[in-house]
Amino acid sequence: MTRWCATQLDGNGRLSLAELQSYFASREGPSYSAAAVANIFRTLTVGGDVKEEVTRSEFRGAFVRYRAMRLALGLRSAVSDA
C-alpha cells in the first residue's frame, strides 16, 4: 500500500489535515503533536497557500522535495511510494 493510499481515509482523491492526523495517530513509531502534523500538512500545499485539502500531486511533490517528510512517513529515500 502506498503512503498516499494509507493516508486517504475517505478515498476522495484529496488529503485533509484530519486524514493526516489520523494517519499519524494510528501508526507505530514516533508520535507527533497536532501542531507538528499541521506543520507537515502546511508543507504539502503548493506555494504555501493555506488549503483544507491537498492533491496527490502536491503530496508527491512535497514527498520528493522534503527528506523530513519521508522520514516522518517512515521512509528513507524518495521512492515511488507516494
C-alpha atoms as a PDB file:
ATOM      1  CA  MET A   1       0.000   0.000   0.000  1.00  0.00           C
ATOM      2  CA  THR A   2       1.392   3.409  -0.891  1.00  0.00           C
ATOM      3  CA  ARG A   3       1.706   6.202   1.638  1.00  0.00           C
ATOM      4  CA  TRP A   4      -0.890   8.159  -0.353  1.00  0.00           C
ATOM      5  CA  CYS A   5      -3.414   5.321  -0.070  1.00  0.00           C
ATOM      6  CA  ALA A   6      -2.618   4.842   3.609  1.00  0.00           C
ATOM      7  CA  THR A   7      -3.443   8.476   4.338  1.00  0.00           C
ATOM      8  CA  GLN A   8      -6.591   8.532   2.202  1.00  0.00           C
ATOM      9  CA  LEU A   9      -9.350   7.573   4.619  1.00  0.00           C
ATOM     10  CA  ASP A  10     -12.346   8.690   2.569  1.00  0.00           C
ATOM     11  CA  GLY A  11     -10.916   7.890  -0.870  1.00  0.00           C
ATOM     12  CA  ASN A  12     -11.912  11.228  -2.422  1.00  0.00           C
ATOM     13  CA  GLY A  13      -8.506  11.807  -4.022  1.00  0.00           C
ATOM     14  CA  ARG A  14      -7.591  14.688  -1.715  1.00  0.00           C
ATOM     15  CA  LEU A  15      -5.825  14.659   1.629  1.00  0.00           C
ATOM     16  CA  SER A  16      -7.195  16.670   4.542  1.00  0.00           C
ATOM     17  CA  LEU A  17      -5.461  17.675   7.747  1.00  0.00           C
ATOM     18  CA  ALA A  18      -7.830  15.379   9.675  1.00  0.00           C
ATOM     19  CA  GLU A  19      -6.813  12.417   7.498  1.00  0.00           C
ATOM     20  CA  LEU A  20      -3.129  13.159   8.002  1.00  0.00           C
ATOM     21  CA  GLN A  21      -3.633  13.460  11.768  1.00  0.00           C
ATOM     22  CA  SER A  22      -5.493  10.128  11.803  1.00  0.00           C
ATOM     23  CA  TYR A  23      -2.698   8.517   9.817  1.00  0.00           C
ATOM     24  CA  PHE A  24      -0.014   9.659  12.259  1.00  0.00           C
ATOM     25  CA  ALA A  25      -2.137   8.719  15.286  1.00  0.00           C
ATOM     26  CA  SER A  26      -2.686   5.182  14.000  1.00  0.00           C
ATOM     27  CA  ARG A  27       0.844   4.226  13.013  1.00  0.00           C
ATOM     28  CA  GLU A  28       3.616   2.795  15.119  1.00  0.00           C
ATOM     29  CA  GLY A  29       6.749   4.788  15.709  1.00  0.00           C
ATOM     30  CA  PRO A  30       7.337   8.324  16.897  1.00  0.00           C
ATOM     31  CA  SER A  31       4.289  10.344  17.837  1.00  0.00           C
ATOM     32  CA  TYR A  32       3.647  13.832  16.508  1.00  0.00           C
ATOM     33  CA  SER A  33       1.724  16.645  18.172  1.00  0.00           C
ATOM     34  CA  ALA A  34      -1.261  18.208  16.410  1.00  0.00           C
ATOM     35  CA  ALA A  35       0.893  21.292  15.765  1.00  0.00           C
ATOM     36  CA  ALA A  36       3.656  19.180  14.201  1.00  0.00           C
ATOM     37  CA  VAL A  37       1.175  17.411  11.898  1.00  0.00           C
ATOM     38  CA  ALA A  38      -0.316  20.788  10.958  1.00  0.00           C
ATOM     39  CA  ASN A  39       3.191  21.981  10.007  1.00  0.00           C
ATOM     40  CA  ILE A  40       3.733  18.853   7.907  1.00  0.00           C
ATOM     41  CA  PHE A  41       0.384  19.444   6.212  1.00  0.00           C
ATOM     42  CA  ARG A  42       1.290  23.065   5.503  1.00  0.00           C
ATOM     43  CA  THR A  43       4.454  21.937   3.665  1.00  0.00           C
ATOM     44  CA  LEU A  44       2.273  19.881   1.327  1.00  0.00           C
ATOM     45  CA  THR A  45       0.458  22.871  -0.114  1.00  0.00           C
ATOM     46  CA  VAL A  46       1.749  24.396  -3.325  1.00  0.00           C
ATOM     47  CA  GLY A  47       3.052  27.906  -2.860  1.00  0.00           C
ATOM     48  CA  GLY A  48       2.425  27.794   0.890  1.00  0.00           C
ATOM     49  CA  ASP A  49      -1.259  28.596   0.422  1.00  0.00           C
ATOM     50  CA  VAL A  50      -3.390  27.508   3.341  1.00  0.00           C
ATOM     51  CA  LYS A  51      -5.776  24.895   1.994  1.00  0.00           C
ATOM     52  CA  GLU A  52      -8.177  22.445   3.553  1.00  0.00           C
ATOM     53  CA  GLU A  53      -7.085  19.594   1.297  1.00  0.00           C
ATOM     54  CA  VAL A  54      -4.140  18.778  -0.936  1.00  0.00           C
ATOM     55  CA  THR A  55      -3.987  16.750  -4.128  1.00  0.00           C
ATOM     56  CA  ARG A  56      -1.934  13.639  -4.732  1.00  0.00           C
ATOM     57  CA  SER A  57       0.339  15.739  -6.950  1.00  0.00           C
ATOM     58  CA  GLU A  58       1.016  18.211  -4.115  1.00  0.00           C
ATOM     59  CA  PHE A  59       1.611  15.315  -1.717  1.00  0.00           C
ATOM     60  CA  ARG A  60       4.027  13.657  -4.117  1.00  0.00           C
ATOM     61  CA  GLY A  61       5.907  16.892  -4.798  1.00  0.00           C
ATOM     62  CA  ALA A  62       6.478  17.520  -1.097  1.00  0.00           C
ATOM     63  CA  PHE A  63       7.353  13.865  -0.571  1.00  0.00           C
ATOM     64  CA  VAL A  64      10.116  14.118  -3.180  1.00  0.00           C
ATOM     65  CA  ARG A  65      11.369  17.565  -2.071  1.00  0.00           C
ATOM     66  CA  TYR A  66      11.474  17.153   1.704  1.00  0.00           C
ATOM     67  CA  ARG A  67      13.545  14.434   3.332  1.00  0.00           C
ATOM     68  CA  ALA A  68      11.948  15.230   6.692  1.00  0.00           C
ATOM     69  CA  MET A  69       8.544  14.320   5.279  1.00  0.00           C
ATOM     70  CA  ARG A  70       9.821  10.967   4.039  1.00  0.00           C
ATOM     71  CA  LEU A  71      11.315  10.283   7.448  1.00  0.00           C
ATOM     72  CA  ALA A  72       8.086  11.270   9.211  1.00  0.00           C
ATOM     73  CA  LEU A  73       6.193   8.865   6.954  1.00  0.00           C
ATOM     74  CA  GLY A  74       8.702   6.117   7.717  1.00  0.00           C
ATOM     75  CA  LEU A  75      10.798   6.077   4.532  1.00  0.00           C
ATOM     76  CA  ARG A  76      14.443   6.854   3.936  1.00  0.00           C
ATOM     77  CA  SER A  77      14.514   7.836   0.286  1.00  0.00           C
ATOM     78  CA  ALA A  78      12.335   9.308  -2.449  1.00  0.00           C
ATOM     79  CA  VAL A  79      10.752   6.225  -3.917  1.00  0.00           C
ATOM     80  CA  SER A  80       7.591   5.738  -5.931  1.00  0.00           C
ATOM     81  CA  ASP A  81       5.640   5.055  -2.750  1.00  0.00           C
ATOM     82  CA  ALA A  82       3.870   8.417  -2.662  1.00  0.00           C
END
